[in-house]
Protein backbone atom coordinates (compact mmCIF):
# COMPACT_ATOMS: atom_id res chain seq x y z
CA MET A 1 97.65 82.81 69.43
CA LYS A 2 97.46 80.27 72.66
CA LYS A 3 100.59 81.83 74.03
CA ILE A 4 99.52 85.51 73.50
CA LEU A 5 96.15 84.75 75.20
CA LEU A 6 98.15 82.92 78.26
CA THR A 7 100.14 86.07 78.59
CA LEU A 8 97.55 88.34 78.58
CA ILE A 9 95.58 86.16 81.29
CA ALA A 10 98.75 86.58 83.55
CA ALA A 11 98.92 90.02 82.75
CA LEU A 12 95.49 90.67 83.88
CA GLY A 13 96.44 89.40 87.22
CA LEU A 14 94.37 86.36 87.21
CA ALA A 15 97.46 84.32 88.67
CA THR A 16 97.71 83.90 92.17
CA GLY A 17 99.09 86.44 94.40
CA ALA A 18 101.30 89.81 93.65
CA VAL A 19 104.14 89.71 90.81
CA ALA A 20 107.26 91.06 92.39
CA SER A 21 109.39 93.31 89.78
CA GLU A 22 112.31 91.90 88.16
CA GLN A 23 114.56 94.87 90.11
CA GLY A 24 112.86 93.70 93.26
CA MET A 25 111.24 96.84 94.06
CA ALA A 26 110.25 97.65 97.27
CA TRP A 27 106.43 98.54 97.89
CA ASP A 28 105.91 102.27 98.88
CA LYS A 29 103.56 102.72 101.81
CA ALA A 30 99.88 103.52 101.25
CA PRO A 31 98.22 106.51 103.15
CA ASN A 32 96.04 103.75 104.96
CA SER A 33 93.03 106.58 105.64
CA THR A 34 90.25 104.29 105.49
CA ASN A 35 88.23 106.66 108.30
CA ASP A 36 88.89 109.67 105.94
CA LEU A 37 85.53 110.27 104.62
CA SER A 38 86.74 112.98 101.90
CA SER A 39 89.42 110.60 100.71
CA LEU A 40 86.97 107.68 100.43
CA GLN A 41 84.55 109.65 98.55
CA ASN A 42 87.24 110.85 95.75
CA GLY A 43 88.41 107.45 95.62
CA ALA A 44 84.71 106.27 95.06
CA LYS A 45 84.77 108.99 92.29
CA LEU A 46 87.95 107.70 90.59
CA PHE A 47 86.83 104.23 90.74
CA VAL A 48 83.69 104.54 89.14
CA ASN A 49 85.22 107.16 86.13
CA TYR A 50 88.26 105.04 85.45
CA CYS A 51 88.26 101.46 86.91
CA LEU A 52 84.37 100.53 86.44
CA ASN A 53 84.88 100.70 82.70
CA CYS A 54 86.60 97.41 82.77
CA HIS A 55 86.47 95.78 86.25
CA SER A 56 83.24 94.99 88.26
CA ALA A 57 82.83 95.14 92.07
CA ALA A 58 80.36 92.56 92.00
CA PHE A 59 80.41 91.91 95.69
CA MET A 60 79.68 95.66 96.49
CA ARG A 61 76.20 97.80 96.04
CA TYR A 62 75.95 101.41 95.13
CA ASN A 63 73.92 102.41 98.22
CA ARG A 64 76.86 100.77 100.63
CA MET A 65 78.58 104.22 99.79
CA LYS A 66 76.10 105.77 102.15
CA ASP A 67 78.74 104.46 104.69
CA ILE A 68 81.17 107.01 103.89
CA GLY A 69 78.88 110.21 103.76
CA LEU A 70 77.20 109.99 100.55
CA THR A 71 73.66 110.44 100.50
CA GLU A 72 71.38 108.27 97.85
CA GLN A 73 70.90 111.39 95.47
CA GLN A 74 74.90 112.04 95.61
CA ILE A 75 75.22 108.91 94.67
CA LYS A 76 72.60 108.76 91.86
CA ASP A 77 73.67 112.11 90.18
CA ASN A 78 77.51 111.26 90.64
CA LEU A 79 78.51 107.68 90.54
CA LEU A 80 75.53 105.65 88.92
CA VAL A 81 76.16 104.86 84.77
CA SER A 82 73.57 104.08 82.30
CA SER A 83 70.37 102.29 83.66
CA ASP A 84 72.17 101.47 87.02
CA LYS A 85 69.89 101.46 90.11
CA VAL A 86 71.21 102.41 93.71
CA GLY A 87 70.66 99.04 94.72
CA ASP A 88 72.44 97.31 92.31
CA THR A 89 75.85 96.03 92.25
CA MET A 90 78.96 97.55 90.75
CA LYS A 91 79.00 96.06 87.31
CA ALA A 92 81.68 96.69 84.29
CA ALA A 93 80.62 98.61 81.54
CA ILE A 94 82.60 96.17 79.39
CA ASP A 95 80.80 93.36 77.45
CA PRO A 96 82.18 90.14 78.80
CA ARG A 97 82.23 88.67 75.51
CA GLN A 98 84.41 91.46 74.00
CA ALA A 99 86.64 91.46 77.08
CA LYS A 100 87.22 87.74 76.57
CA GLU A 101 88.04 88.25 72.90
CA TRP A 102 90.44 90.89 73.84
CA PHE A 103 92.13 89.68 76.67
CA GLY A 104 91.48 85.95 76.74
CA ALA A 105 89.51 86.39 79.91
CA ASN A 106 87.50 88.90 81.58
CA PRO A 107 89.41 91.50 83.86
CA PRO A 108 89.38 90.64 87.50
CA ASP A 109 86.73 91.57 89.90
CA LEU A 110 88.04 94.25 92.19
CA THR A 111 85.92 94.23 95.19
CA LEU A 112 88.48 92.33 97.21
CA ILE A 113 91.51 93.00 95.30
CA ALA A 114 93.02 95.19 98.12
CA ARG A 115 92.88 92.04 100.72
CA SER A 116 94.20 89.61 97.93
CA ARG A 117 97.41 91.60 97.03
CA ALA A 118 99.19 91.29 100.50
CA GLY A 119 102.78 90.01 100.39
CA HIS A 120 106.05 89.86 101.58
CA GLY A 121 106.40 93.61 100.43
CA GLY A 122 103.37 94.85 102.73
CA THR A 123 99.74 95.00 102.36
CA GLY A 124 97.52 94.69 99.56
CA ALA A 125 97.04 98.39 99.95
CA ASP A 126 100.77 99.19 99.67
CA TYR A 127 101.03 96.87 96.60
CA LEU A 128 98.34 98.67 94.59
CA TYR A 129 99.61 102.07 95.74
CA THR A 130 103.05 101.33 94.19
CA TYR A 131 101.69 99.53 91.31
CA MET A 132 99.13 102.71 90.07
CA ARG A 133 102.46 104.82 90.39
CA THR A 134 104.93 102.70 88.48
CA PHE A 135 103.59 102.67 84.86
CA TYR A 136 105.62 104.09 82.06
CA ARG A 137 105.55 104.18 78.04
CA ASP A 138 106.83 101.08 76.43
CA PRO A 139 106.31 100.86 72.49
CA ALA A 140 107.23 97.29 72.81
CA ARG A 141 104.06 96.33 74.77
CA PRO A 142 100.68 95.92 72.97
CA THR A 143 99.14 98.61 75.08
CA GLY A 144 102.03 100.81 74.89
CA TRP A 145 102.63 100.89 78.48
CA ASN A 146 104.17 98.67 80.93
CA ASN A 147 104.87 98.50 85.23
CA LEU A 148 107.68 98.33 87.09
CA LEU A 149 106.33 96.58 89.61
CA PHE A 150 104.27 94.31 87.37
CA PRO A 151 106.69 93.74 84.35
CA ASN A 152 104.52 93.08 81.10
CA VAL A 153 101.35 93.67 82.68
CA GLY A 154 98.44 93.72 80.25
CA MET A 155 96.58 96.58 81.68
CA PRO A 156 97.15 100.11 80.19
CA HIS A 157 97.72 103.08 82.03
CA VAL A 158 94.37 104.35 82.60
CA LEU A 159 95.36 107.78 84.78
CA TRP A 160 97.98 108.36 82.48
CA GLN A 161 96.51 111.69 81.54
CA LEU A 162 96.37 112.70 85.48
CA GLN A 163 100.30 111.61 85.95
CA GLY A 164 101.74 112.43 82.72
CA GLU A 165 104.42 110.29 80.95
CA ARG A 166 107.39 109.02 82.75
CA GLU A 167 110.43 107.00 82.00
CA PRO A 168 112.10 104.85 84.84
CA GLU A 169 116.01 105.30 85.27
CA PHE A 170 118.39 102.49 86.30
CA GLU A 171 121.90 102.15 87.25
CA THR A 172 123.88 99.12 86.52
CA HIS A 173 126.20 97.29 88.54
CA GLN A 174 127.94 93.81 88.53
CA GLU A 175 126.73 91.32 91.04
CA HIS A 176 128.28 87.66 91.06
CA GLY A 177 129.74 88.32 87.63
CA GLN A 178 126.41 89.72 86.10
CA GLU A 179 125.09 92.94 85.09
CA VAL A 180 121.99 93.79 87.61
CA LYS A 181 119.77 97.11 86.77
CA VAL A 182 118.81 98.81 89.92
CA PHE A 183 115.87 101.31 89.86
CA LYS A 184 117.03 104.65 90.88
CA GLY A 185 114.19 107.28 90.23
CA TRP A 186 111.87 108.59 87.40
CA LYS A 187 112.33 111.17 84.78
CA GLN A 188 109.34 112.89 83.84
CA VAL A 189 108.90 113.03 79.87
CA SER A 190 105.74 115.01 79.81
CA ALA A 191 103.42 116.69 82.47
CA GLY A 192 100.21 115.52 83.34
CA THR A 193 96.78 117.65 84.61
CA MET A 194 97.92 116.86 88.10
CA THR A 195 101.44 117.91 89.91
CA PRO A 196 103.10 114.51 91.01
CA LEU A 197 102.10 115.29 94.84
CA GLU A 198 98.38 115.78 93.42
CA TYR A 199 98.72 112.55 91.58
CA ASP A 200 100.07 110.64 94.53
CA GLN A 201 96.93 111.82 96.65
CA ALA A 202 94.56 110.76 94.14
CA VAL A 203 95.94 107.42 93.94
CA GLY A 204 95.79 107.29 97.74
CA ASP A 205 92.15 108.15 97.65
CA LEU A 206 91.62 105.39 95.02
CA VAL A 207 93.58 102.75 97.30
CA ASN A 208 91.78 104.05 100.32
CA PHE A 209 88.48 103.21 98.44
CA LEU A 210 89.50 99.96 97.24
CA GLN A 211 90.87 98.92 100.76
CA TRP A 212 87.55 100.11 102.11
CA MET A 213 85.38 98.47 100.03
CA GLY A 214 87.40 95.05 100.66
CA GLU A 215 85.69 95.39 104.22
CA PRO A 216 83.39 97.96 104.55
CA ALA A 217 82.68 97.23 107.90
CA GLN A 218 86.31 97.67 109.03
CA ASN A 219 86.23 100.63 111.01
CA SER A 220 83.08 99.72 113.01
CA ARG A 221 84.82 96.45 113.82
CA VAL A 222 88.13 98.48 115.11
CA ARG A 223 85.71 100.89 116.97
CA ILE A 224 83.87 97.94 118.82
CA GLY A 225 86.97 96.08 119.45
CA VAL A 226 88.65 98.94 121.27
CA TRP A 227 85.62 99.34 123.70
CA ALA A 228 85.45 95.81 124.37
CA LEU A 229 88.97 95.82 125.32
CA LEU A 230 88.73 98.74 127.41
CA PHE A 231 85.28 96.63 129.13
CA LEU A 232 87.72 93.67 129.78
CA ALA A 233 90.20 95.86 131.30
CA LEU A 234 87.90 97.52 133.58
CA PHE A 235 86.23 94.29 134.53
CA THR A 236 89.47 92.73 135.20
CA VAL A 237 90.30 95.71 137.54
CA ILE A 238 86.94 95.27 139.79
CA ALA A 239 87.21 91.63 139.68
CA TRP A 240 90.79 91.97 141.04
CA ARG A 241 89.38 94.12 143.47
CA LEU A 242 86.22 92.02 144.55
CA ASN A 243 88.56 89.18 144.96
CA ALA A 244 90.79 91.15 147.35
CA ALA A 245 87.86 92.17 149.58
CA TYR A 246 86.39 88.58 149.57
CA TRP A 247 89.33 86.94 150.81
CA LYS A 248 90.87 89.81 152.84
CA ASP A 249 89.49 88.10 156.38
CA ILE A 250 91.24 84.45 155.24
CA LYS A 251 94.40 83.91 156.11
């Protein structure tokens, strides 16, 4: 029993750092469109509908989503669940005691997940974008699902109805006298409610929201940084010309 609980804890992502796949799978590049308000709004809707059931975002308040173009009334009508108020933090719907019984620990908070999953394969957004697109059916797993990027993950594929069911296809070859499986692509087993392109766009929106949530002020910081650099560049030119005018009569 103890071994099972430890496995579930690791599978929930409580272990430090990103977990690389056994096949050495490369991370796909996330859209990285944190300034696209429509994408962020759709990502917020997906997060509330599919992620907030188990995962909290304890450092994010609902009313902060005014920054992505939503009004307070839209937040109340479309994003609030149960008796939450617009000024509350985004808490998971799951009972912490039940989560601990089921998984051995509470599912991790996702406020900073996009910042914490950066690694050798790319940014945290790249990791999440690849992770949410590499689930496949595995009857041997307790949840019935596995993940190519995170083998033996404890999380089920919560978006499977959107994506449908897929199977990974591998090619085997010999390397140093051992048989190695290399991932080659996907085989669609059953269709989802979205086309593959629509699903990738939806996951991109969700990842954009998770990336924005990790630092809501990042776009403002970048804009201020650009203006600061332009000011310093202009000031450098003015200072250079003033210096030349000041010393022009001195040889």
